[in-house]
Amino acid sequence: MDAQTIFLVGSMAIFLGFVSDYMFRRYKAPDVLILITFGIALGPGITGLVSTNLAETISGLTPYVAALALSIIMFQAGMGLKIREVLTSFSRALVLTVLAFVASVAMVAAVGFIALGWGIGDSLLLGAILGGTSGAVVIPLVNNLRVSSRLKTVLTLESAITDVLVIVLAMSIIGVMGTGDADLGKAASTILIAFLVSSCIGVIAGFVWLQVLSTYLSGQPFSYMVTLAMLLGVYAVTEMMVNGTGGGAIAALTFGLTLANGGEVAKVIRHDIRSYVCDEKITMLHDEISFFVRTFFFIYLGIVVTTITIGLDHVLIGLAVCLAILIGRYLVTELMGRYIEQTGADHNALFFMMPRGLSAAVLASIPLSMGVVTDEVGNTILGTVTIVILVTTAIASIGAYVIDRGTRSNGKRRRAPVQEQAGLDRPTDKY
């Protein structure tokens, strides 16, 4: 692919990203699916603009692309949260996350064990890989829905926490399958340490950076670019400190949360609020960067899909796994809904916002590459995870459309009595 073709495809991608984002905000059209479909269309077998060799080379960058997209999107999510809501909703979010994760792992593992006849190790591994939601999909979808701020906070926290759960459990199972040494206590302590260390790093880094912004970078050019550099540094240092267990996403989230709530931080430590205010320009510029990264990430994901050989058996297994995930999510929604929801739209959003994505895509290829599963099981995991990512993303996108149409209709019905009280619906008034 020459430079002119790359520029043309890049131009088309940005325009498509803008149009699909507008269509989503205006009509809740499935923008994520539009971008993934565009990526698939670029790959071999359709337009062929991305050759087979190039697509395979690109797919090798998945861990790096996933890390960049996750850090950018989680930071933006943190900037959109209120610290008081996070503190009041955290316990609910934690309970929801654990229950939803356990339910998903159990239901998916049951499919592997009963329907496919796999051993308990292979079955649990598939369940662990597909156990958590994807912040890269959930956060953009839920931020544009007419649901309560409490639910937005809970779903955002769920998508951040499950990254740690998915990575630690999946890698622990892989370690057990490779060495035969099972240590559940070590896995539990790893999850707890990763969460606490990541949260502390994000908060401390945010607190320090607020002072730097206010003292040294106020009114200076390129303050956003050095903030972006700080974000990437926080993400990288955290991942190194927690041994790549997904804590970088939590650190990025809490870093953004601290920057966006500088006033609350200043009140707690009784300092001048003006010294802890994040420049609005940083938020605006990051929205632009987030749009760019998000657009190309989903197109990239579509290209990666074309490198995986998917047969009819993978489709059928993937659909069965999706059904299992839906059943598990439904049970958790019914159990936890009354403690979280405030409206009917909240109930629907809690159920639909369970797409799989980043962590699953990265982890799916590891078991086969490390030789802990057979070629048949490894390829089945790859194909099944791909189908599940596409189908659950489609379900979440369609769910967002249904929720939006429902809230619009309810809004019109609620306005009718007000119009009657104002005399606007009484034709006799004009006589």
Protein backbone atom coordinates (compact mmCIF):
# COMPACT_ATOMS: atom_id res chain seq x y z
CA MET A 1 0.00 0.00 0.00
CA ASP A 2 1.56 3.29 -1.13
CA ALA A 3 1.47 6.63 0.70
CA GLN A 4 -1.38 8.04 -1.41
CA THR A 5 -3.59 5.04 -0.67
CA ILE A 6 -2.82 5.23 3.06
CA PHE A 7 -3.72 8.94 3.12
CA LEU A 8 -6.95 8.26 1.20
CA VAL A 9 -7.97 5.42 3.54
CA GLY A 10 -7.06 7.58 6.56
CA SER A 11 -9.17 10.43 5.24
CA MET A 12 -12.12 8.12 4.61
CA ALA A 13 -11.73 6.63 8.10
CA ILE A 14 -11.85 10.00 9.84
CA PHE A 15 -14.87 11.14 7.83
CA LEU A 16 -16.59 7.83 8.52
CA GLY A 17 -15.75 8.15 12.21
CA PHE A 18 -17.28 11.63 12.31
CA VAL A 19 -20.43 10.60 10.44
CA SER A 20 -20.92 7.41 12.46
CA ASP A 21 -20.40 9.34 15.73
CA TYR A 22 -23.00 11.88 14.64
CA MET A 23 -25.40 9.11 13.62
CA PHE A 24 -24.91 7.49 17.01
CA ARG A 25 -25.50 10.70 18.97
CA ARG A 26 -28.48 11.66 16.81
CA TYR A 27 -30.13 8.30 16.10
CA LYS A 28 -28.11 5.80 18.20
CA ALA A 29 -27.01 4.03 15.04
CA PRO A 30 -24.40 1.31 15.80
CA ASP A 31 -21.27 3.38 15.11
CA VAL A 32 -18.92 0.73 16.52
CA LEU A 33 -20.25 -1.86 14.07
CA ILE A 34 -19.96 0.59 11.18
CA LEU A 35 -16.28 1.15 11.95
CA ILE A 36 -15.54 -2.57 12.44
CA THR A 37 -17.32 -3.37 9.17
CA PHE A 38 -15.21 -0.75 7.38
CA GLY A 39 -12.08 -2.42 8.76
CA ILE A 40 -13.27 -5.82 7.57
CA ALA A 41 -13.98 -4.34 4.13
CA LEU A 42 -10.39 -3.06 3.89
CA GLY A 43 -8.94 -6.51 4.53
CA PRO A 44 -8.17 -9.42 2.23
CA GLY A 45 -11.17 -11.14 0.72
CA ILE A 46 -13.19 -7.97 0.08
CA THR A 47 -11.39 -4.86 -1.24
CA GLY A 48 -7.91 -6.23 -0.54
CA LEU A 49 -6.50 -2.77 0.19
CA VAL A 50 -4.86 -4.42 3.19
CA SER A 51 -3.13 -7.55 1.95
CA THR A 52 -3.00 -10.81 3.89
CA ASN A 53 0.66 -10.30 4.86
CA LEU A 54 0.03 -6.70 5.95
CA ALA A 55 -3.06 -7.70 7.93
CA GLU A 56 -1.10 -10.40 9.76
CA THR A 57 1.66 -7.90 10.53
CA ILE A 58 -0.92 -5.41 11.80
CA SER A 59 -2.56 -8.06 14.01
CA GLY A 60 0.79 -8.54 15.76
CA LEU A 61 0.44 -5.00 17.11
CA THR A 62 -2.77 -5.82 19.00
CA PRO A 63 -1.29 -5.62 22.55
CA TYR A 64 0.18 -2.18 21.83
CA VAL A 65 -2.86 -0.78 20.04
CA ALA A 66 -5.12 -2.14 22.77
CA ALA A 67 -3.02 -0.53 25.51
CA LEU A 68 -3.04 2.86 23.76
CA ALA A 69 -6.79 2.79 23.12
CA LEU A 70 -7.54 1.67 26.66
CA SER A 71 -5.39 4.35 28.30
CA ILE A 72 -6.92 7.14 26.19
CA ILE A 73 -10.53 6.00 26.63
CA MET A 74 -10.20 5.29 30.37
CA PHE A 75 -8.65 8.70 30.94
CA GLN A 76 -11.56 10.34 29.14
CA ALA A 77 -13.99 8.26 31.21
CA GLY A 78 -12.34 9.42 34.42
CA MET A 79 -12.55 13.05 33.30
CA GLY A 80 -16.30 12.61 32.93
CA LEU A 81 -16.93 11.21 36.42
CA LYS A 82 -17.76 13.02 39.65
CA ILE A 83 -15.72 11.87 42.62
CA ARG A 84 -18.70 11.94 44.99
CA GLU A 85 -20.66 9.62 42.69
CA VAL A 86 -17.69 7.28 42.42
CA LEU A 87 -17.37 7.04 46.20
CA THR A 88 -21.10 6.45 46.72
CA SER A 89 -21.40 3.97 43.83
CA PHE A 90 -18.17 2.03 44.29
CA SER A 91 -19.57 -0.68 46.57
CA ARG A 92 -22.45 -1.34 44.15
CA ALA A 93 -20.07 -1.39 41.21
CA LEU A 94 -17.73 -3.83 42.93
CA VAL A 95 -20.54 -6.25 43.82
CA LEU A 96 -21.98 -6.01 40.30
CA THR A 97 -18.56 -6.58 38.74
CA VAL A 98 -17.77 -9.67 40.80
CA LEU A 99 -21.22 -11.21 40.32
CA ALA A 100 -21.30 -10.50 36.58
CA PHE A 101 -17.77 -11.82 36.14
CA VAL A 102 -18.41 -15.03 38.09
CA ALA A 103 -21.71 -15.59 36.26
CA SER A 104 -20.09 -15.09 32.85
CA VAL A 105 -17.13 -17.36 33.63
CA ALA A 106 -19.43 -20.09 34.96
CA MET A 107 -21.91 -19.94 32.06
CA VAL A 108 -19.23 -19.87 29.35
CA ALA A 109 -17.23 -22.63 31.04
CA ALA A 110 -20.41 -24.74 31.14
CA VAL A 111 -20.69 -24.42 27.36
CA GLY A 112 -17.10 -25.61 26.95
CA PHE A 113 -17.45 -28.45 29.43
CA ILE A 114 -20.92 -29.74 28.49
CA ALA A 115 -21.41 -28.83 24.83
CA LEU A 116 -17.82 -29.13 23.57
CA GLY A 117 -16.62 -31.86 25.87
CA TRP A 118 -13.52 -29.90 26.92
CA GLY A 119 -11.67 -30.44 30.16
CA ILE A 120 -12.28 -28.16 33.12
CA GLY A 121 -9.06 -26.22 32.48
CA ASP A 122 -9.83 -25.38 28.83
CA SER A 123 -13.43 -24.54 29.72
CA LEU A 124 -12.50 -22.20 32.57
CA LEU A 125 -9.87 -20.54 30.37
CA LEU A 126 -12.48 -19.69 27.73
CA GLY A 127 -14.77 -18.41 30.48
CA ALA A 128 -12.03 -16.25 31.99
CA ILE A 129 -11.09 -14.71 28.63
CA LEU A 130 -14.72 -13.78 27.98
CA GLY A 131 -15.63 -12.92 31.56
CA GLY A 132 -15.43 -9.12 31.48
CA THR A 133 -16.92 -6.18 29.62
CA SER A 134 -14.90 -3.85 27.40
CA GLY A 135 -14.45 -0.23 28.47
CA ALA A 136 -13.52 0.72 24.91
CA VAL A 137 -17.06 -0.16 23.82
CA VAL A 138 -19.11 0.39 27.00
CA ILE A 139 -17.87 3.88 27.89
CA PRO A 140 -18.56 5.60 24.54
CA LEU A 141 -21.98 3.93 24.35
CA VAL A 142 -23.16 4.65 27.88
CA ASN A 143 -21.90 8.26 27.91
CA ASN A 144 -24.38 9.12 25.16
CA LEU A 145 -27.37 7.36 26.72
CA ARG A 146 -30.14 9.05 28.69
CA VAL A 147 -29.53 7.07 31.85
CA SER A 148 -28.76 8.11 35.40
CA SER A 149 -25.29 9.36 36.28
CA ARG A 150 -25.12 6.64 38.95
CA LEU A 151 -25.50 3.90 36.36
CA LYS A 152 -22.93 5.52 34.07
CA THR A 153 -20.48 5.55 36.96
CA VAL A 154 -21.21 1.92 37.90
CA LEU A 155 -20.81 0.63 34.32
CA THR A 156 -17.59 2.62 33.85
CA LEU A 157 -16.12 1.21 37.05
CA GLU A 158 -17.22 -2.31 36.07
CA SER A 159 -15.42 -2.13 32.74
CA ALA A 160 -12.23 -0.93 34.47
CA ILE A 161 -12.25 -3.50 37.28
CA THR A 162 -13.03 -6.46 35.04
CA ASP A 163 -9.86 -5.86 33.02
CA VAL A 164 -7.85 -6.81 36.10
CA LEU A 165 -10.08 -9.80 36.86
CA VAL A 166 -9.93 -11.11 33.29
CA ILE A 167 -6.18 -10.76 32.87
CA VAL A 168 -5.21 -12.15 36.29
CA LEU A 169 -7.61 -15.12 36.18
CA ALA A 170 -6.84 -16.02 32.55
CA MET A 171 -3.07 -15.82 33.05
CA SER A 172 -3.35 -17.76 36.33
CA ILE A 173 -5.24 -20.55 34.56
CA ILE A 174 -2.65 -20.57 31.76
CA GLY A 175 0.08 -20.81 34.40
CA VAL A 176 -1.68 -23.72 36.10
CA MET A 177 -2.14 -25.51 32.77
CA GLY A 178 1.53 -25.00 31.98
CA THR A 179 3.03 -25.95 35.34
CA GLY A 180 0.24 -27.76 37.17
CA ASP A 181 0.74 -25.53 40.22
CA ALA A 182 -2.60 -24.06 41.36
CA ASP A 183 -2.50 -21.21 43.88
CA LEU A 184 -5.86 -19.47 44.23
CA GLY A 185 -4.63 -17.40 47.17
CA LYS A 186 -1.85 -15.93 45.06
CA ALA A 187 -4.31 -15.04 42.29
CA ALA A 188 -6.65 -13.31 44.77
CA SER A 189 -3.81 -11.34 46.37
CA THR A 190 -2.54 -10.34 42.91
CA ILE A 191 -5.95 -8.92 42.02
CA LEU A 192 -6.22 -6.99 45.29
CA ILE A 193 -2.66 -5.62 45.09
CA ALA A 194 -3.07 -4.65 41.43
CA PHE A 195 -6.26 -2.75 42.18
CA LEU A 196 -4.94 -0.91 45.24
CA VAL A 197 -1.56 -0.04 43.72
CA SER A 198 -3.10 1.11 40.44
CA SER A 199 -5.69 3.29 42.16
CA CYS A 200 -3.08 4.91 44.41
CA ILE A 201 -0.72 5.61 41.52
CA GLY A 202 -3.49 7.25 39.49
CA VAL A 203 -4.67 9.44 42.39
CA ILE A 204 -1.17 10.50 43.47
CA ALA A 205 -0.12 11.21 39.88
CA GLY A 206 -3.30 13.24 39.33
CA PHE A 207 -2.74 15.24 42.52
CA VAL A 208 0.88 16.01 41.61
CA TRP A 209 -0.02 16.87 38.02
CA LEU A 210 -2.75 19.30 39.12
CA GLN A 211 -0.10 21.23 41.02
CA VAL A 212 2.26 21.15 38.04
CA LEU A 213 -0.47 22.40 35.70
CA SER A 214 -1.47 25.21 38.02
CA THR A 215 2.03 26.27 39.07
CA TYR A 216 4.21 25.78 36.00
CA LEU A 217 2.03 25.15 32.94
CA SER A 218 -0.84 27.60 33.44
CA GLY A 219 -1.19 29.59 30.23
CA GLN A 220 1.71 27.73 28.62
CA PRO A 221 1.48 26.15 25.15
CA PHE A 222 1.43 22.36 24.75
CA SER A 223 0.07 21.75 28.24
CA TYR A 224 -2.19 19.05 26.83
CA MET A 225 0.65 17.24 25.07
CA VAL A 226 2.69 16.97 28.26
CA THR A 227 -0.47 15.85 30.08
CA LEU A 228 -0.86 13.11 27.45
CA ALA A 229 2.78 12.16 28.01
CA MET A 230 2.08 12.01 31.75
CA LEU A 231 -0.95 9.76 31.12
CA LEU A 232 1.05 7.31 29.02
CA GLY A 233 3.82 7.34 31.62
CA VAL A 234 1.35 6.63 34.43
CA TYR A 235 -0.16 3.76 32.43
CA ALA A 236 3.26 2.24 31.62
CA VAL A 237 4.71 2.57 35.13
CA THR A 238 1.57 1.06 36.66
CA GLU A 239 1.63 -1.91 34.30
CA MET A 240 5.27 -2.53 35.16
CA MET A 241 4.59 -2.31 38.89
CA VAL A 242 1.64 -4.73 38.78
CA ASN A 243 3.31 -7.07 36.27
CA GLY A 244 0.94 -6.40 33.37
CA THR A 245 -2.23 -7.39 35.20
CA GLY A 246 -4.41 -4.65 33.69
CA GLY A 247 -3.88 -2.07 36.42
CA GLY A 248 -2.92 0.54 33.84
CA ALA A 249 -6.57 0.98 32.92
CA ILE A 250 -7.52 1.67 36.54
CA ALA A 251 -4.59 4.09 36.94
CA ALA A 252 -5.65 5.98 33.78
CA LEU A 253 -9.23 6.15 35.07
CA THR A 254 -8.27 7.46 38.53
CA PHE A 255 -5.71 9.86 37.01
CA GLY A 256 -8.45 11.42 34.87
CA LEU A 257 -10.89 11.35 37.79
CA THR A 258 -8.45 13.29 40.01
CA LEU A 259 -7.69 15.89 37.34
CA ALA A 260 -11.39 16.48 36.65
CA ASN A 261 -12.23 16.87 40.35
CA GLY A 262 -9.45 19.20 41.42
CA GLY A 263 -11.89 21.44 43.28
CA GLU A 264 -13.07 18.55 45.45
CA VAL A 265 -9.46 17.56 46.10
CA ALA A 266 -8.62 21.12 47.16
CA LYS A 267 -11.53 21.19 49.61
CA VAL A 268 -10.38 17.96 51.25
CA ILE A 269 -6.83 19.22 51.82
CA ARG A 270 -8.04 22.79 52.48
CA HIS A 271 -6.03 24.43 49.73
CA ASP A 272 -6.92 27.19 47.30
CA ILE A 273 -9.31 25.71 44.72
CA ARG A 274 -7.72 27.79 41.96
CA SER A 275 -4.49 25.82 42.40
CA TYR A 276 -6.22 22.55 41.57
CA VAL A 277 -8.24 23.30 38.46
CA CYS A 278 -7.53 21.43 35.24
CA ASP A 279 -7.44 23.67 32.17
CA GLU A 280 -10.61 23.22 30.08
CA LYS A 281 -8.41 23.17 26.98
CA ILE A 282 -6.98 19.83 28.09
CA THR A 283 -10.44 18.27 28.25
CA MET A 284 -11.39 19.63 24.83
CA LEU A 285 -8.19 18.46 23.15
CA HIS A 286 -8.42 15.02 24.74
CA ASP A 287 -11.93 14.61 23.37
CA GLU A 288 -10.46 15.14 19.89
CA ILE A 289 -7.62 12.67 20.48
CA SER A 290 -10.03 10.14 21.97
CA PHE A 291 -12.25 10.37 18.89
CA PHE A 292 -9.23 9.76 16.64
CA VAL A 293 -7.91 6.79 18.64
CA ARG A 294 -11.34 5.23 19.08
CA THR A 295 -12.15 5.52 15.36
CA PHE A 296 -8.95 3.85 14.22
CA PHE A 297 -9.04 1.23 16.96
CA PHE A 298 -12.35 -0.23 15.81
CA ILE A 299 -11.26 -0.10 12.18
CA TYR A 300 -8.08 -1.86 13.27
CA LEU A 301 -10.17 -4.48 15.08
CA GLY A 302 -12.07 -5.11 11.85
CA ILE A 303 -8.81 -5.66 9.97
CA VAL A 304 -7.59 -8.08 12.65
CA VAL A 305 -10.82 -10.10 12.28
CA THR A 306 -9.89 -10.83 8.66
CA THR A 307 -6.68 -12.61 9.77
CA ILE A 308 -8.58 -15.22 11.79
CA THR A 309 -9.96 -18.29 10.07
CA ILE A 310 -13.56 -18.60 11.21
CA GLY A 311 -15.58 -21.67 10.31
CA LEU A 312 -19.24 -22.51 10.76
CA ASP A 313 -18.41 -24.41 13.95
CA HIS A 314 -16.83 -21.25 15.43
CA VAL A 315 -19.97 -19.29 14.58
CA LEU A 316 -22.23 -21.82 16.24
CA ILE A 317 -20.03 -22.08 19.34
CA GLY A 318 -19.76 -18.29 19.48
CA LEU A 319 -23.55 -17.91 19.37
CA ALA A 320 -23.95 -20.51 22.11
CA VAL A 321 -21.42 -18.65 24.26
CA CYS A 322 -23.22 -15.35 23.59
CA LEU A 323 -26.47 -16.93 24.76
CA ALA A 324 -24.73 -18.12 27.92
CA ILE A 325 -23.37 -14.60 28.55
CA LEU A 326 -26.83 -13.11 28.01
CA ILE A 327 -28.39 -15.53 30.51
CA GLY A 328 -25.73 -14.76 33.09
CA ARG A 329 -26.13 -11.01 32.57
CA TYR A 330 -29.90 -11.28 32.85
CA LEU A 331 -29.66 -13.10 36.17
CA VAL A 332 -27.24 -10.52 37.57
CA THR A 333 -29.40 -7.64 36.28
CA GLU A 334 -32.47 -9.05 38.01
CA LEU A 335 -30.53 -9.64 41.21
CA MET A 336 -28.64 -6.31 41.37
CA GLY A 337 -30.97 -4.02 39.44
CA ARG A 338 -32.97 -2.68 42.36
CA TYR A 339 -29.78 -1.54 44.13
CA ILE A 340 -28.46 0.36 41.10
CA GLU A 341 -31.26 1.35 38.72
CA GLN A 342 -33.31 4.52 38.92
CA THR A 343 -35.32 4.27 35.68
CA GLY A 344 -36.47 1.70 33.15
CA ALA A 345 -33.71 2.89 30.83
CA ASP A 346 -31.20 2.10 33.60
CA HIS A 347 -32.52 -1.47 33.78
CA ASN A 348 -32.13 -1.99 30.04
CA ALA A 349 -28.68 -0.38 29.96
CA LEU A 350 -27.47 -2.56 32.83
CA PHE A 351 -28.45 -5.63 30.81
CA PHE A 352 -27.28 -4.58 27.35
CA MET A 353 -23.91 -3.04 28.26
CA MET A 354 -21.92 -6.27 28.34
CA PRO A 355 -19.84 -6.26 25.11
CA ARG A 356 -16.49 -8.03 25.05
CA GLY A 357 -13.46 -6.46 23.39
CA LEU A 358 -9.91 -5.42 24.24
CA SER A 359 -8.82 -7.87 26.92
CA ALA A 360 -10.51 -10.81 25.20
CA ALA A 361 -8.91 -9.96 21.84
CA VAL A 362 -5.44 -9.74 23.39
CA LEU A 363 -5.74 -12.89 25.54
CA ALA A 364 -7.35 -15.11 22.89
CA SER A 365 -4.09 -15.87 21.08
CA ILE A 366 -1.93 -16.45 24.17
CA PRO A 367 -2.95 -20.06 25.08
CA LEU A 368 -2.05 -21.39 21.62
CA SER A 369 1.18 -19.37 21.37
CA MET A 370 2.31 -20.68 24.79
CA GLY A 371 1.44 -24.25 23.90
CA VAL A 372 -0.84 -24.90 26.90
CA VAL A 373 -3.76 -26.02 24.70
CA THR A 374 -4.02 -28.18 21.60
CA ASP A 375 -4.16 -26.61 18.14
CA GLU A 376 -7.86 -27.48 17.87
CA VAL A 377 -8.77 -25.87 21.21
CA GLY A 378 -6.53 -22.85 20.55
CA ASN A 379 -8.06 -22.15 17.14
CA THR A 380 -11.55 -22.67 18.56
CA ILE A 381 -10.84 -20.11 21.29
CA LEU A 382 -9.61 -17.61 18.70
CA GLY A 383 -12.61 -18.06 16.41
CA THR A 384 -15.14 -18.15 19.25
CA VAL A 385 -13.77 -15.01 20.92
CA THR A 386 -13.91 -13.16 17.60
CA ILE A 387 -17.58 -14.08 17.07
CA VAL A 388 -18.45 -13.18 20.67
CA ILE A 389 -16.78 -9.75 20.37
CA LEU A 390 -18.73 -8.97 17.19
CA VAL A 391 -22.09 -10.31 18.42
CA THR A 392 -21.97 -8.76 21.92
CA THR A 393 -20.88 -5.43 20.41
CA ALA A 394 -23.84 -5.64 18.03
CA ILE A 395 -26.19 -6.43 20.92
CA ALA A 396 -24.87 -3.47 22.93
CA SER A 397 -25.21 -1.12 19.95
CA ILE A 398 -28.76 -2.30 19.19
CA GLY A 399 -29.56 -2.05 22.89
CA ALA A 400 -28.36 1.57 22.92
CA TYR A 401 -30.71 2.32 20.02
CA VAL A 402 -33.65 0.64 21.78
CA ILE A 403 -32.95 2.51 25.03
CA ASP A 404 -32.72 5.84 23.22
CA ARG A 405 -35.98 5.31 21.34
CA GLY A 406 -37.68 4.30 24.57
CA THR A 407 -36.48 7.37 26.50
CA ARG A 408 -37.53 9.64 23.63
CA SER A 409 -41.04 8.15 23.63
CA ASN A 410 -41.32 8.42 27.41
CA GLY A 411 -40.14 12.02 27.25
CA LYS A 412 -42.91 12.91 24.81
CA ARG A 413 -45.53 11.23 26.98
CA ARG A 414 -44.30 13.06 30.08
CA ARG A 415 -44.56 16.44 28.33
CA ALA A 416 -48.20 15.95 27.32
CA PRO A 417 -49.75 16.65 30.76
CA VAL A 418 -47.69 19.83 31.03
CA GLN A 419 -49.08 21.02 27.72
CA GLU A 420 -52.60 20.30 28.89
CA GLN A 421 -52.03 22.26 32.09
CA ALA A 422 -50.81 25.20 30.03
CA GLY A 423 -53.99 25.08 27.96
CA LEU A 424 -52.12 24.14 24.78
CA ASP A 425 -54.16 20.99 24.15
CA ARG A 426 -57.63 22.47 24.83
CA PRO A 427 -59.17 23.48 21.50
CA THR A 428 -62.12 25.11 23.35
CA ASP A 429 -59.80 27.80 24.73
CA LYS A 430 -59.77 29.69 21.44
CA TYR A 431 -63.55 30.04 21.52
